[in-house]
Amino acid sequence: DRLRRLLGASMVSAIEKLMGLVLTAVAVEMILAGLKRYFYGTA
């Protein structure tokens, strides 16, 4: 609540979406690295 009051609801929402995008990108990177290692041996 304090952060939402300080930055505003729309800014907090934008930051949440950005962090979700970063988390998704990291997850995809890890999945692709795992698949690469599985199919092609050690990467």
Protein backbone atom coordinates (compact mmCIF):
# COMPACT_ATOMS: atom_id res chain seq x y z
CA ASP A 1 0.00 0.00 0.00
CA ARG A 2 2.79 2.43 0.86
CA LEU A 3 4.57 1.80 -2.44
CA ARG A 4 1.30 2.09 -4.36
CA ARG A 5 0.62 5.47 -2.73
CA LEU A 6 4.18 6.67 -3.37
CA LEU A 7 4.44 5.65 -7.04
CA GLY A 8 0.82 5.51 -8.07
CA ALA A 9 -1.29 2.54 -9.08
CA SER A 10 -0.45 2.70 -12.77
CA MET A 11 3.31 2.81 -12.13
CA VAL A 12 3.13 -0.17 -9.76
CA SER A 13 1.11 -2.07 -12.36
CA ALA A 14 3.69 -1.26 -15.05
CA ILE A 15 6.53 -2.44 -12.79
CA GLU A 16 4.64 -5.66 -12.03
CA LYS A 17 4.20 -6.34 -15.75
CA LEU A 18 7.86 -5.60 -16.45
CA MET A 19 9.00 -7.96 -13.68
CA GLY A 20 6.67 -10.64 -15.04
CA LEU A 21 8.23 -10.22 -18.47
CA VAL A 22 11.74 -10.51 -17.02
CA LEU A 23 10.76 -13.62 -15.06
CA THR A 24 9.26 -15.18 -18.20
CA ALA A 25 12.40 -14.42 -20.20
CA VAL A 26 14.60 -16.07 -17.55
CA ALA A 27 12.33 -19.12 -17.45
CA VAL A 28 12.38 -19.50 -21.24
CA GLU A 29 16.18 -19.17 -21.23
CA MET A 30 16.47 -21.93 -18.62
CA ILE A 31 14.07 -24.22 -20.48
CA LEU A 32 15.90 -23.74 -23.78
CA ALA A 33 19.27 -24.38 -22.12
CA GLY A 34 17.90 -27.57 -20.58
CA LEU A 35 16.49 -28.79 -23.89
CA LYS A 36 19.75 -27.98 -25.65
CA ARG A 37 21.71 -29.93 -23.06
CA TYR A 38 19.24 -32.84 -23.27
CA PHE A 39 19.39 -33.13 -27.06
CA TYR A 40 22.97 -32.10 -27.80
CA GLY A 41 24.86 -33.19 -24.69
CA THR A 42 26.73 -30.75 -22.49
CA ALA A 43 26.34 -27.16 -23.57
